[in-house]
Amino acid sequence: MSLQTGCGPDAGATAPAAGPPQVRTIRLVPENVVLSTIVVGTLEPSARVVVAAQEEGVVTAVAVREGDRVAAGDLVVQLDDRRIRAELAEAQARLLDAQAQARRAKALEGEGLISTSEADTIRASEAMAEARADLLRTRASFTRITAPVAGVVLARHVEVGNLASPRTPLVELAAGPGLMLRVPVSELEVVHLRPGDTATVRVDALPDVSMAARIARIFPAAEGTTRQVTVELTLADPPAAVRPGFLARAGMVLENRKGVLLVPEAALQRGSEVPHFVWVLDGDTARVRPVEPGERVDGRVVIRKGLAAGDEVVVEGLVRLRDGGPVQRAAGGSGS
């Protein structure tokens, strides 16, 4: 009796070998591209003015609150002026007495009844009394603190009853038209910017609002650690809803470049022997092509070196590729 083993007609047969990997490709065509950057900063007033006390005194009135608009010369803070007013009244009385003595001395000097030296001493006393009165008038005026420029009140730092000393900040104003935005820009990008260049600014709080801005100045030095340079933008006429302190994003054009070759980001690979490469087809054969990538533009990468117009670059099906191995183009697999 014989015994046969097996599981069917295909028993013992080997699985068919997998065919060449299927790939999709694009053929490179030079393009004109706009290289740009987006940087983030915080909107600030075009000018920030801190109103400070010049005289010591107790605050008796604060005439403004945050958000108030003030004109130049408007009262913002009043200090207690009673002590200085009393000193001024005394000084003015002394001045009147000194002036009377000076008039008498002039008459007596003319009659030869007093010497010129005595008359000069009396005139000096008059001048000192006048200077003292002028000083106290000035100090009295410092108790009435006014806005030096027109603007909007950003902050008030004192309340009624506080003691203000010289140089004590009282009120902070946003002065001047428009807003300012300072943003850090990479040293590699700032070389393409110039004062007067335009930018587009958006704020997260109002995503549908786009505002025109202009580069006012570029700071002269890069920050030592980050190698970034501060660029100052001005927004001449922002909407009223856009306020200082808002987070803003500025888009700036760096360069209009012609005849550029680009590949999808997914086509750019990293290797152990070469930092960056792409797969290109030589007929039906895959080849590794080392490249030097540049800027990224809308999901694609500028290729500075390594590729030429007309090269066929693999963009899909990269997993099974090997250098020198055969490939099969998928239907409709080559495009531009």
C-alpha atoms as a PDB file:
ATOM      1  CA  MET A   1       0.000   0.000   0.000  1.00  0.00           C
ATOM      2  CA  SER A   2       1.381   3.343  -0.954  1.00  0.00           C
ATOM      3  CA  LEU A   3       0.861   6.700   0.872  1.00  0.00           C
ATOM      4  CA  GLN A   4       0.676  10.035  -0.982  1.00  0.00           C
ATOM      5  CA  THR A   5       1.006  13.414   0.782  1.00  0.00           C
ATOM      6  CA  GLY A   6      -0.033  16.848  -0.405  1.00  0.00           C
ATOM      7  CA  CYS A   7      -2.678  19.509  -0.051  1.00  0.00           C
ATOM      8  CA  GLY A   8      -3.776  20.098  -3.606  1.00  0.00           C
ATOM      9  CA  PRO A   9      -2.605  20.686  -7.101  1.00  0.00           C
ATOM     10  CA  ASP A  10      -0.302  23.633  -6.117  1.00  0.00           C
ATOM     11  CA  ALA A  11       1.430  21.823  -3.325  1.00  0.00           C
ATOM     12  CA  GLY A  12       5.176  22.409  -3.376  1.00  0.00           C
ATOM     13  CA  ALA A  13       4.948  25.334  -5.822  1.00  0.00           C
ATOM     14  CA  THR A  14       6.838  28.565  -4.908  1.00  0.00           C
ATOM     15  CA  ALA A  15       5.098  31.970  -4.712  1.00  0.00           C
ATOM     16  CA  PRO A  16       5.585  34.107  -7.830  1.00  0.00           C
ATOM     17  CA  ALA A  17       8.341  36.745  -7.500  1.00  0.00           C
ATOM     18  CA  ALA A  18       7.136  40.300  -6.919  1.00  0.00           C
ATOM     19  CA  GLY A  19       7.492  42.551  -9.946  1.00  0.00           C
ATOM     20  CA  PRO A  20       9.398  45.831 -10.092  1.00  0.00           C
ATOM     21  CA  PRO A  21       8.017  48.476  -7.730  1.00  0.00           C
ATOM     22  CA  GLN A  22       5.458  50.791  -9.254  1.00  0.00           C
ATOM     23  CA  VAL A  23       6.255  54.484  -9.039  1.00  0.00           C
ATOM     24  CA  ARG A  24       4.755  57.807  -9.951  1.00  0.00           C
ATOM     25  CA  THR A  25       7.045  60.516 -11.238  1.00  0.00           C
ATOM     26  CA  ILE A  26       7.127  64.136 -12.301  1.00  0.00           C
ATOM     27  CA  ARG A  27       9.286  65.728 -14.951  1.00  0.00           C
ATOM     28  CA  LEU A  28      10.989  68.899 -13.737  1.00  0.00           C
ATOM     29  CA  VAL A  29      10.146  72.178 -15.431  1.00  0.00           C
ATOM     30  CA  PRO A  30      11.749  75.494 -14.357  1.00  0.00           C
ATOM     31  CA  GLU A  31       9.300  77.775 -12.539  1.00  0.00           C
ATOM     32  CA  ASN A  32       9.161  81.336 -11.278  1.00  0.00           C
ATOM     33  CA  VAL A  33       8.513  81.422  -7.534  1.00  0.00           C
ATOM     34  CA  VAL A  34       8.017  84.023  -4.830  1.00  0.00           C
ATOM     35  CA  LEU A  35      10.045  83.230  -1.726  1.00  0.00           C
ATOM     36  CA  SER A  36       8.514  84.659   1.432  1.00  0.00           C
ATOM     37  CA  THR A  37       8.614  84.310   5.190  1.00  0.00           C
ATOM     38  CA  ILE A  38       6.104  84.644   8.018  1.00  0.00           C
ATOM     39  CA  VAL A  39       7.314  85.962  11.366  1.00  0.00           C
ATOM     40  CA  VAL A  40       5.492  86.575  14.637  1.00  0.00           C
ATOM     41  CA  GLY A  41       5.514  89.556  16.990  1.00  0.00           C
ATOM     42  CA  THR A  42       3.347  91.695  19.254  1.00  0.00           C
ATOM     43  CA  LEU A  43       1.688  94.913  18.107  1.00  0.00           C
ATOM     44  CA  GLU A  44       2.809  98.029  19.955  1.00  0.00           C
ATOM     45  CA  PRO A  45       1.864 101.710  19.837  1.00  0.00           C
ATOM     46  CA  SER A  46       3.905 103.650  17.307  1.00  0.00           C
ATOM     47  CA  ALA A  47       5.099 105.753  20.261  1.00  0.00           C
ATOM     48  CA  ARG A  48       4.777 105.068  23.976  1.00  0.00           C
ATOM     49  CA  VAL A  49       4.913 108.077  26.329  1.00  0.00           C
ATOM     50  CA  VAL A  50       5.260 107.722  30.096  1.00  0.00           C
ATOM     51  CA  VAL A  51       3.975 110.772  31.977  1.00  0.00           C
ATOM     52  CA  ALA A  52       5.929 111.140  35.230  1.00  0.00           C
ATOM     53  CA  ALA A  53       5.792 113.446  38.230  1.00  0.00           C
ATOM     54  CA  GLN A  54       8.315 116.274  38.491  1.00  0.00           C
ATOM     55  CA  GLU A  55       7.259 117.366  41.972  1.00  0.00           C
ATOM     56  CA  GLU A  56       6.513 115.436  45.145  1.00  0.00           C
ATOM     57  CA  GLY A  57       2.939 115.483  46.335  1.00  0.00           C
ATOM     58  CA  VAL A  58      -0.148 113.509  47.253  1.00  0.00           C
ATOM     59  CA  VAL A  59      -2.392 112.650  44.296  1.00  0.00           C
ATOM     60  CA  THR A  60      -5.698 114.484  44.690  1.00  0.00           C
ATOM     61  CA  ALA A  61      -7.239 113.609  41.309  1.00  0.00           C
ATOM     62  CA  VAL A  62      -6.688 111.241  38.375  1.00  0.00           C
ATOM     63  CA  ALA A  63      -8.618 112.602  35.417  1.00  0.00           C
ATOM     64  CA  VAL A  64      -8.229 109.679  32.985  1.00  0.00           C
ATOM     65  CA  ARG A  65      -8.744 105.947  32.728  1.00  0.00           C
ATOM     66  CA  GLU A  66      -7.428 103.283  30.374  1.00  0.00           C
ATOM     67  CA  GLY A  67      -8.798 103.767  26.876  1.00  0.00           C
ATOM     68  CA  ASP A  68      -9.491 107.496  27.248  1.00  0.00           C
ATOM     69  CA  ARG A  69      -8.328 109.765  24.443  1.00  0.00           C
ATOM     70  CA  VAL A  70      -6.505 112.905  25.529  1.00  0.00           C
ATOM     71  CA  ALA A  71      -5.295 116.008  23.727  1.00  0.00           C
ATOM     72  CA  ALA A  72      -1.985 117.675  24.393  1.00  0.00           C
ATOM     73  CA  GLY A  73      -2.394 119.840  27.499  1.00  0.00           C
ATOM     74  CA  ASP A  74      -5.316 117.909  28.996  1.00  0.00           C
ATOM     75  CA  LEU A  75      -5.138 117.360  32.755  1.00  0.00           C
ATOM     76  CA  VAL A  76      -4.273 113.771  33.663  1.00  0.00           C
ATOM     77  CA  VAL A  77      -3.184 113.960  37.337  1.00  0.00           C
ATOM     78  CA  GLN A  78      -3.464 116.660  39.994  1.00  0.00           C
ATOM     79  CA  LEU A  79      -1.163 116.763  43.032  1.00  0.00           C
ATOM     80  CA  ASP A  80      -1.861 118.532  46.319  1.00  0.00           C
ATOM     81  CA  ASP A  81      -0.449 122.042  45.801  1.00  0.00           C
ATOM     82  CA  ARG A  82      -1.401 123.705  49.107  1.00  0.00           C
ATOM     83  CA  ARG A  83       2.095 123.702  50.598  1.00  0.00           C
ATOM     84  CA  ILE A  84       3.725 125.057  47.452  1.00  0.00           C
ATOM     85  CA  ARG A  85       0.985 127.697  47.030  1.00  0.00           C
ATOM     86  CA  ALA A  86       1.622 128.886  50.587  1.00  0.00           C
ATOM     87  CA  GLU A  87       5.359 129.072  49.944  1.00  0.00           C
ATOM     88  CA  LEU A  88       4.663 130.952  46.707  1.00  0.00           C
ATOM     89  CA  ALA A  89       2.440 133.492  48.486  1.00  0.00           C
ATOM     90  CA  GLU A  90       5.199 134.112  51.022  1.00  0.00           C
ATOM     91  CA  ALA A  91       7.799 134.463  48.264  1.00  0.00           C
ATOM     92  CA  GLN A  92       5.628 136.929  46.347  1.00  0.00           C
ATOM     93  CA  ALA A  93       5.210 139.038  49.495  1.00  0.00           C
ATOM     94  CA  ARG A  94       8.981 139.039  50.005  1.00  0.00           C
ATOM     95  CA  LEU A  95       9.398 140.025  46.360  1.00  0.00           C
ATOM     96  CA  LEU A  96       7.064 143.003  46.745  1.00  0.00           C
ATOM     97  CA  ASP A  97       9.049 144.143  49.786  1.00  0.00           C
ATOM     98  CA  ALA A  98      12.348 143.689  47.938  1.00  0.00           C
ATOM     99  CA  GLN A  99      11.054 145.657  44.952  1.00  0.00           C
ATOM    100  CA  ALA A 100       9.977 148.517  47.240  1.00  0.00           C
ATOM    101  CA  GLN A 101      13.387 148.562  48.914  1.00  0.00           C
ATOM    102  CA  ALA A 102      15.085 148.560  45.522  1.00  0.00           C
ATOM    103  CA  ARG A 103      13.078 151.597  44.414  1.00  0.00           C
ATOM    104  CA  ARG A 104      14.012 153.480  47.599  1.00  0.00           C
ATOM    105  CA  ALA A 105      17.648 152.495  47.227  1.00  0.00           C
ATOM    106  CA  LYS A 106      17.695 153.837  43.693  1.00  0.00           C
ATOM    107  CA  ALA A 107      16.368 157.196  44.877  1.00  0.00           C
ATOM    108  CA  LEU A 108      18.777 157.367  47.797  1.00  0.00           C
ATOM    109  CA  GLU A 109      21.685 156.417  45.575  1.00  0.00           C
ATOM    110  CA  GLY A 110      20.772 159.223  43.196  1.00  0.00           C
ATOM    111  CA  GLU A 111      20.815 161.686  46.083  1.00  0.00           C
ATOM    112  CA  GLY A 112      24.151 160.332  47.299  1.00  0.00           C
ATOM    113  CA  LEU A 113      22.686 159.188  50.605  1.00  0.00           C
ATOM    114  CA  ILE A 114      23.848 155.561  50.177  1.00  0.00           C
ATOM    115  CA  SER A 115      26.833 154.117  48.396  1.00  0.00           C
ATOM    116  CA  THR A 116      26.689 152.216  45.136  1.00  0.00           C
ATOM    117  CA  SER A 117      27.771 149.070  47.013  1.00  0.00           C
ATOM    118  CA  GLU A 118      24.812 149.328  49.381  1.00  0.00           C
ATOM    119  CA  ALA A 119      22.430 149.888  46.471  1.00  0.00           C
ATOM    120  CA  ASP A 120      23.870 146.843  44.654  1.00  0.00           C
ATOM    121  CA  THR A 121      23.261 144.670  47.728  1.00  0.00           C
ATOM    122  CA  ILE A 122      19.613 145.745  47.822  1.00  0.00           C
ATOM    123  CA  ARG A 123      19.196 145.102  44.077  1.00  0.00           C
ATOM    124  CA  ALA A 124      20.737 141.630  44.519  1.00  0.00           C
ATOM    125  CA  SER A 125      18.207 140.877  47.252  1.00  0.00           C
ATOM    126  CA  GLU A 126      15.431 141.883  44.853  1.00  0.00           C
ATOM    127  CA  ALA A 127      16.803 139.568  42.155  1.00  0.00           C
ATOM    128  CA  MET A 128      17.012 136.661  44.609  1.00  0.00           C
ATOM    129  CA  ALA A 129      13.438 137.247  45.757  1.00  0.00           C
ATOM    130  CA  GLU A 130      12.263 137.294  42.136  1.00  0.00           C
ATOM    131  CA  ALA A 131      14.137 134.060  41.350  1.00  0.00           C
ATOM    132  CA  ARG A 132      12.624 132.389  44.413  1.00  0.00           C
ATOM    133  CA  ALA A 133       9.111 133.398  43.350  1.00  0.00           C
ATOM    134  CA  ASP A 134       9.731 132.167  39.778  1.00  0.00           C
ATOM    135  CA  LEU A 135      10.975 128.811  41.089  1.00  0.00           C
ATOM    136  CA  LEU A 136       7.905 128.318  43.254  1.00  0.00           C
ATOM    137  CA  ARG A 137       5.580 129.299  40.390  1.00  0.00           C
ATOM    138  CA  THR A 138       7.247 126.618  38.277  1.00  0.00           C
ATOM    139  CA  ARG A 139       6.974 124.028  41.053  1.00  0.00           C
ATOM    140  CA  ALA A 140       3.317 124.936  41.534  1.00  0.00           C
ATOM    141  CA  SER A 141       2.698 124.373  37.813  1.00  0.00           C
ATOM    142  CA  PHE A 142       4.237 120.885  38.145  1.00  0.00           C
ATOM    143  CA  THR A 143       1.413 119.856  40.482  1.00  0.00           C
ATOM    144  CA  ARG A 144      -0.973 120.091  37.543  1.00  0.00           C
ATOM    145  CA  ILE A 145       0.264 117.267  35.305  1.00  0.00           C
ATOM    146  CA  THR A 146      -0.952 117.356  31.721  1.00  0.00           C
ATOM    147  CA  ALA A 147      -0.607 115.151  28.659  1.00  0.00           C
ATOM    148  CA  PRO A 148       2.487 116.220  26.688  1.00  0.00           C
ATOM    149  CA  VAL A 149       1.040 114.808  23.450  1.00  0.00           C
ATOM    150  CA  ALA A 150      -2.288 113.621  22.115  1.00  0.00           C
ATOM    151  CA  GLY A 151      -2.928 109.911  22.520  1.00  0.00           C
ATOM    152  CA  VAL A 152      -4.814 107.067  24.167  1.00  0.00           C
ATOM    153  CA  VAL A 153      -4.312 106.099  27.803  1.00  0.00           C
ATOM    154  CA  LEU A 154      -2.735 102.649  27.998  1.00  0.00           C
ATOM    155  CA  ALA A 155      -2.289 102.487  31.765  1.00  0.00           C
ATOM    156  CA  ARG A 156      -2.646 104.562  34.920  1.00  0.00           C
ATOM    157  CA  HIS A 157      -0.203 103.754  37.669  1.00  0.00           C
ATOM    158  CA  VAL A 158      -1.539 105.893  40.553  1.00  0.00           C
ATOM    159  CA  GLU A 159      -4.768 106.430  42.428  1.00  0.00           C
ATOM    160  CA  VAL A 160      -6.056 109.267  44.589  1.00  0.00           C
ATOM    161  CA  GLY A 161      -4.162 109.309  47.876  1.00  0.00           C
ATOM    162  CA  ASN A 162      -0.917 107.882  46.511  1.00  0.00           C
ATOM    163  CA  LEU A 163       2.268 109.827  47.192  1.00  0.00           C
ATOM    164  CA  ALA A 164       3.996 110.741  43.938  1.00  0.00           C
ATOM    165  CA  SER A 165       7.715 111.441  43.901  1.00  0.00           C
ATOM    166  CA  PRO A 166       9.795 112.991  41.126  1.00  0.00           C
ATOM    167  CA  ARG A 167      10.153 110.554  38.182  1.00  0.00           C
ATOM    168  CA  THR A 168       7.257 108.415  39.467  1.00  0.00           C
ATOM    169  CA  PRO A 169       5.344 107.046  36.402  1.00  0.00           C
ATOM    170  CA  LEU A 170       1.754 108.243  36.589  1.00  0.00           C
ATOM    171  CA  VAL A 171       0.106 107.537  33.235  1.00  0.00           C
ATOM    172  CA  GLU A 172       1.209 105.760  30.056  1.00  0.00           C
ATOM    173  CA  LEU A 173       0.011 106.993  26.656  1.00  0.00           C
ATOM    174  CA  ALA A 174      -0.038 105.481  23.185  1.00  0.00           C
ATOM    175  CA  ALA A 175       0.899 108.439  21.027  1.00  0.00           C
ATOM    176  CA  GLY A 176       1.130 108.934  17.304  1.00  0.00           C
ATOM    177  CA  PRO A 177      -0.914 107.425  14.492  1.00  0.00           C
ATOM    178  CA  GLY A 178      -0.955 103.721  13.666  1.00  0.00           C
ATOM    179  CA  LEU A 179       0.796 100.779  15.270  1.00  0.00           C
ATOM    180  CA  MET A 180       4.259  99.257  15.248  1.00  0.00           C
ATOM    181  CA  LEU A 181       5.325  95.620  14.974  1.00  0.00           C
ATOM    182  CA  ARG A 182       8.822  94.401  15.794  1.00  0.00           C
ATOM    183  CA  VAL A 183       9.641  90.903  14.578  1.00  0.00           C
ATOM    184  CA  PRO A 184      12.760  88.696  14.671  1.00  0.00           C
ATOM    185  CA  VAL A 185      14.011  87.672  11.223  1.00  0.00           C
ATOM    186  CA  SER A 186      16.665  85.049  10.478  1.00  0.00           C
ATOM    187  CA  GLU A 187      20.051  86.311   9.316  1.00  0.00           C
ATOM    188  CA  LEU A 188      19.565  84.222   6.154  1.00  0.00           C
ATOM    189  CA  GLU A 189      16.338  86.045   5.325  1.00  0.00           C
ATOM    190  CA  VAL A 190      16.971  89.595   6.523  1.00  0.00           C
ATOM    191  CA  VAL A 191      19.587  90.139   3.796  1.00  0.00           C
ATOM    192  CA  HIS A 192      16.712  90.166   1.283  1.00  0.00           C
ATOM    193  CA  LEU A 193      14.778  92.927   3.100  1.00  0.00           C
ATOM    194  CA  ARG A 194      15.085  96.697   2.779  1.00  0.00           C
ATOM    195  CA  PRO A 195      13.439  99.658   4.554  1.00  0.00           C
ATOM    196  CA  GLY A 196      10.360 100.606   2.574  1.00  0.00           C
ATOM    197  CA  ASP A 197       9.486  97.018   1.605  1.00  0.00           C
ATOM    198  CA  THR A 198       5.842  96.126   2.119  1.00  0.00           C
ATOM    199  CA  ALA A 199       4.393  93.354   4.259  1.00  0.00           C
ATOM    200  CA  THR A 200       1.010  91.839   5.040  1.00  0.00           C
ATOM    201  CA  VAL A 201       0.024  91.589   8.700  1.00  0.00           C
ATOM    202  CA  ARG A 202      -2.695  89.433  10.239  1.00  0.00           C
ATOM    203  CA  VAL A 203      -3.758  89.001  13.855  1.00  0.00           C
ATOM    204  CA  ASP A 204      -5.058  85.793  15.393  1.00  0.00           C
ATOM    205  CA  ALA A 205      -7.899  87.699  17.048  1.00  0.00           C
ATOM    206  CA  LEU A 206      -9.278  88.795  13.644  1.00  0.00           C
ATOM    207  CA  PRO A 207      -8.222  86.095  11.153  1.00  0.00           C
ATOM    208  CA  ASP A 208     -10.173  87.619   8.255  1.00  0.00           C
ATOM    209  CA  VAL A 209      -8.480  91.024   8.569  1.00  0.00           C
ATOM    210  CA  SER A 210      -5.406  91.692   6.431  1.00  0.00           C
ATOM    211  CA  MET A 211      -3.420  94.900   7.001  1.00  0.00           C
ATOM    212  CA  ALA A 212      -0.752  96.587   4.903  1.00  0.00           C
ATOM    213  CA  ALA A 213       2.525  97.375   6.629  1.00  0.00           C
ATOM    214  CA  ARG A 214       5.887  98.791   5.653  1.00  0.00           C
ATOM    215  CA  ILE A 215       9.393  98.136   6.940  1.00  0.00           C
ATOM    216  CA  ALA A 216      10.434 101.270   8.825  1.00  0.00           C
ATOM    217  CA  ARG A 217      13.889 100.127   9.858  1.00  0.00           C
ATOM    218  CA  ILE A 218      16.121  97.106  10.235  1.00  0.00           C
ATOM    219  CA  PHE A 219      18.232  96.929  13.373  1.00  0.00           C
ATOM    220  CA  PRO A 220      21.988  97.058  12.721  1.00  0.00           C
ATOM    221  CA  ALA A 221      23.043  93.861  14.531  1.00  0.00           C
ATOM    222  CA  ALA A 222      21.866  90.281  14.962  1.00  0.00           C
ATOM    223  CA  GLU A 223      21.153  88.833  18.392  1.00  0.00           C
ATOM    224  CA  GLY A 224      24.202  86.829  19.439  1.00  0.00           C
ATOM    225  CA  THR A 225      22.466  83.559  20.342  1.00  0.00           C
ATOM    226  CA  THR A 226      19.648  83.249  17.813  1.00  0.00           C
ATOM    227  CA  ARG A 227      21.332  85.101  14.913  1.00  0.00           C
ATOM    228  CA  GLN A 228      18.086  86.957  14.361  1.00  0.00           C
ATOM    229  CA  VAL A 229      17.740  90.622  13.434  1.00  0.00           C
ATOM    230  CA  THR A 230      14.862  92.792  14.645  1.00  0.00           C
ATOM    231  CA  VAL A 231      12.795  94.334  11.850  1.00  0.00           C
ATOM    232  CA  GLU A 232      10.383  97.149  12.676  1.00  0.00           C
ATOM    233  CA  LEU A 233       7.157  97.439  10.680  1.00  0.00           C
ATOM    234  CA  THR A 234       4.659 100.289  10.764  1.00  0.00           C
ATOM    235  CA  LEU A 235       0.913  99.968  10.208  1.00  0.00           C
ATOM    236  CA  ALA A 236      -0.295 103.404   9.205  1.00  0.00           C
ATOM    237  CA  ASP A 237      -4.052 102.876   9.429  1.00  0.00           C
ATOM    238  CA  PRO A 238      -5.080  99.683  11.247  1.00  0.00           C
ATOM    239  CA  PRO A 239      -8.773  98.993  11.968  1.00  0.00           C
ATOM    240  CA  ALA A 240     -10.021 100.274  15.315  1.00  0.00           C
ATOM    241  CA  ALA A 241     -10.560  96.698  16.508  1.00  0.00           C
ATOM    242  CA  VAL A 242      -6.838  95.943  16.205  1.00  0.00           C
ATOM    243  CA  ARG A 243      -5.153  96.940  19.448  1.00  0.00           C
ATOM    244  CA  PRO A 244      -1.686  97.094  20.978  1.00  0.00           C
ATOM    245  CA  GLY A 245      -0.729  93.785  22.551  1.00  0.00           C
ATOM    246  CA  PHE A 246      -2.359  91.606  19.865  1.00  0.00           C
ATOM    247  CA  LEU A 247      -0.275  88.719  18.520  1.00  0.00           C
ATOM    248  CA  ALA A 248       0.479  89.443  14.857  1.00  0.00           C
ATOM    249  CA  ARG A 249       1.980  87.526  11.938  1.00  0.00           C
ATOM    250  CA  ALA A 250       3.802  89.424   9.218  1.00  0.00           C
ATOM    251  CA  GLY A 251       4.294  87.955   5.757  1.00  0.00           C
ATOM    252  CA  MET A 252       7.193  89.464   3.822  1.00  0.00           C
ATOM    253  CA  VAL A 253       8.414  88.740   0.295  1.00  0.00           C
ATOM    254  CA  LEU A 254      12.108  87.875   0.308  1.00  0.00           C
ATOM    255  CA  GLU A 255      12.823  87.256  -3.345  1.00  0.00           C
ATOM    256  CA  ASN A 256      11.215  86.760  -6.764  1.00  0.00           C
ATOM    257  CA  ARG A 257      13.276  83.938  -8.248  1.00  0.00           C
ATOM    258  CA  LYS A 258      13.118  82.759 -11.867  1.00  0.00           C
ATOM    259  CA  GLY A 259      13.934  79.373 -13.396  1.00  0.00           C
ATOM    260  CA  VAL A 260      13.695  77.417 -10.138  1.00  0.00           C
ATOM    261  CA  LEU A 261      13.395  73.624  -9.902  1.00  0.00           C
ATOM    262  CA  LEU A 262      11.081  72.300  -7.180  1.00  0.00           C
ATOM    263  CA  VAL A 263      10.166  68.831  -5.925  1.00  0.00           C
ATOM    264  CA  PRO A 264       7.449  67.786  -3.460  1.00  0.00           C
ATOM    265  CA  GLU A 265       8.679  67.602   0.128  1.00  0.00           C
ATOM    266  CA  ALA A 266       7.830  63.876   0.191  1.00  0.00           C
ATOM    267  CA  ALA A 267      10.299  63.238  -2.655  1.00  0.00           C
ATOM    268  CA  LEU A 268      13.249  64.649  -0.705  1.00  0.00           C
ATOM    269  CA  GLN A 269      14.972  61.864   1.255  1.00  0.00           C
ATOM    270  CA  ARG A 270      17.711  61.742   3.886  1.00  0.00           C
ATOM    271  CA  GLY A 271      20.529  59.236   3.644  1.00  0.00           C
ATOM    272  CA  SER A 272      23.463  57.955   5.654  1.00  0.00           C
ATOM    273  CA  GLU A 273      26.023  58.539   2.913  1.00  0.00           C
ATOM    274  CA  VAL A 274      24.532  61.737   1.496  1.00  0.00           C
ATOM    275  CA  PRO A 275      22.565  64.277   3.548  1.00  0.00           C
ATOM    276  CA  HIS A 276      19.760  64.698   1.005  1.00  0.00           C
ATOM    277  CA  PHE A 277      18.809  62.853  -2.177  1.00  0.00           C
ATOM    278  CA  VAL A 278      15.936  62.146  -4.539  1.00  0.00           C
ATOM    279  CA  TRP A 279      15.171  59.160  -6.736  1.00  0.00           C
ATOM    280  CA  VAL A 280      15.353  59.821 -10.477  1.00  0.00           C
ATOM    281  CA  LEU A 281      14.611  57.464 -13.353  1.00  0.00           C
ATOM    282  CA  ASP A 282      17.144  56.579 -16.015  1.00  0.00           C
ATOM    283  CA  GLY A 283      14.861  54.793 -18.427  1.00  0.00           C
ATOM    284  CA  ASP A 284      13.236  52.130 -16.260  1.00  0.00           C
ATOM    285  CA  THR A 285      16.015  52.156 -13.677  1.00  0.00           C
ATOM    286  CA  ALA A 286      15.962  54.012 -10.336  1.00  0.00           C
ATOM    287  CA  ARG A 287      19.003  56.076  -9.444  1.00  0.00           C
ATOM    288  CA  VAL A 288      19.980  57.937  -6.277  1.00  0.00           C
ATOM    289  CA  ARG A 289      20.686  61.598  -7.021  1.00  0.00           C
ATOM    290  CA  PRO A 290      22.320  63.685  -4.234  1.00  0.00           C
ATOM    291  CA  VAL A 291      20.834  67.186  -4.095  1.00  0.00           C
ATOM    292  CA  GLU A 292      21.208  70.442  -2.193  1.00  0.00           C
ATOM    293  CA  PRO A 293      17.778  71.583  -0.974  1.00  0.00           C
ATOM    294  CA  GLY A 294      16.826  75.204  -0.435  1.00  0.00           C
ATOM    295  CA  GLU A 295      13.714  77.024   0.684  1.00  0.00           C
ATOM    296  CA  ARG A 296      10.323  75.399   1.135  1.00  0.00           C
ATOM    297  CA  VAL A 297       7.456  76.839  -0.892  1.00  0.00           C
ATOM    298  CA  ASP A 298       3.881  75.620  -0.354  1.00  0.00           C
ATOM    299  CA  GLY A 299       4.733  71.971   0.268  1.00  0.00           C
ATOM    300  CA  ARG A 300       7.609  71.855  -2.209  1.00  0.00           C
ATOM    301  CA  VAL A 301      11.366  72.287  -1.874  1.00  0.00           C
ATOM    302  CA  VAL A 302      13.658  74.402  -4.021  1.00  0.00           C
ATOM    303  CA  ILE A 303      16.560  72.297  -5.327  1.00  0.00           C
ATOM    304  CA  ARG A 304      19.694  74.401  -5.599  1.00  0.00           C
ATOM    305  CA  LYS A 305      22.040  71.720  -6.971  1.00  0.00           C
ATOM    306  CA  GLY A 306      21.828  68.173  -8.268  1.00  0.00           C
ATOM    307  CA  LEU A 307      18.899  68.278 -10.703  1.00  0.00           C
ATOM    308  CA  ALA A 308      18.274  69.660 -14.167  1.00  0.00           C
ATOM    309  CA  ALA A 309      15.221  70.575 -16.191  1.00  0.00           C
ATOM    310  CA  GLY A 310      13.680  67.451 -17.708  1.00  0.00           C
ATOM    311  CA  ASP A 311      14.822  65.075 -14.953  1.00  0.00           C
ATOM    312  CA  GLU A 312      12.173  62.506 -14.010  1.00  0.00           C
ATOM    313  CA  VAL A 313      11.810  62.449 -10.222  1.00  0.00           C
ATOM    314  CA  VAL A 314       9.990  59.742  -8.276  1.00  0.00           C
ATOM    315  CA  VAL A 315       7.285  61.193  -6.023  1.00  0.00           C
ATOM    316  CA  GLU A 316       5.349  58.041  -5.003  1.00  0.00           C
ATOM    317  CA  GLY A 317       6.400  54.442  -4.430  1.00  0.00           C
ATOM    318  CA  LEU A 318       9.786  55.151  -2.886  1.00  0.00           C
ATOM    319  CA  VAL A 319       9.729  52.399  -0.234  1.00  0.00           C
ATOM    320  CA  ARG A 320      11.049  49.449  -2.291  1.00  0.00           C
ATOM    321  CA  LEU A 321      13.459  51.371  -4.493  1.00  0.00           C
ATOM    322  CA  ARG A 322      17.137  50.447  -4.694  1.00  0.00           C
ATOM    323  CA  ASP A 323      19.895  52.185  -6.600  1.00  0.00           C
ATOM    324  CA  GLY A 324      20.147  50.603 -10.043  1.00  0.00           C
ATOM    325  CA  GLY A 325      16.999  48.550  -9.571  1.00  0.00           C
ATOM    326  CA  PRO A 326      14.183  48.296 -12.139  1.00  0.00           C
ATOM    327  CA  VAL A 327      10.896  50.129 -11.722  1.00  0.00           C
ATOM    328  CA  GLN A 328       7.542  50.189 -13.401  1.00  0.00           C
ATOM    329  CA  ARG A 329       5.690  53.440 -13.973  1.00  0.00           C
ATOM    330  CA  ALA A 330       2.149  53.452 -12.668  1.00  0.00           C
ATOM    331  CA  ALA A 331      -0.574  54.393 -15.110  1.00  0.00           C
ATOM    332  CA  GLY A 332      -0.408  58.134 -15.618  1.00  0.00           C
ATOM    333  CA  GLY A 333       2.749  58.119 -13.504  1.00  0.00           C
ATOM    334  CA  SER A 334       4.742  60.837 -15.217  1.00  0.00           C
ATOM    335  CA  GLY A 335       3.708  64.457 -15.051  1.00  0.00           C
ATOM    336  CA  SER A 336       5.107  67.928 -14.588  1.00  0.00           C
END
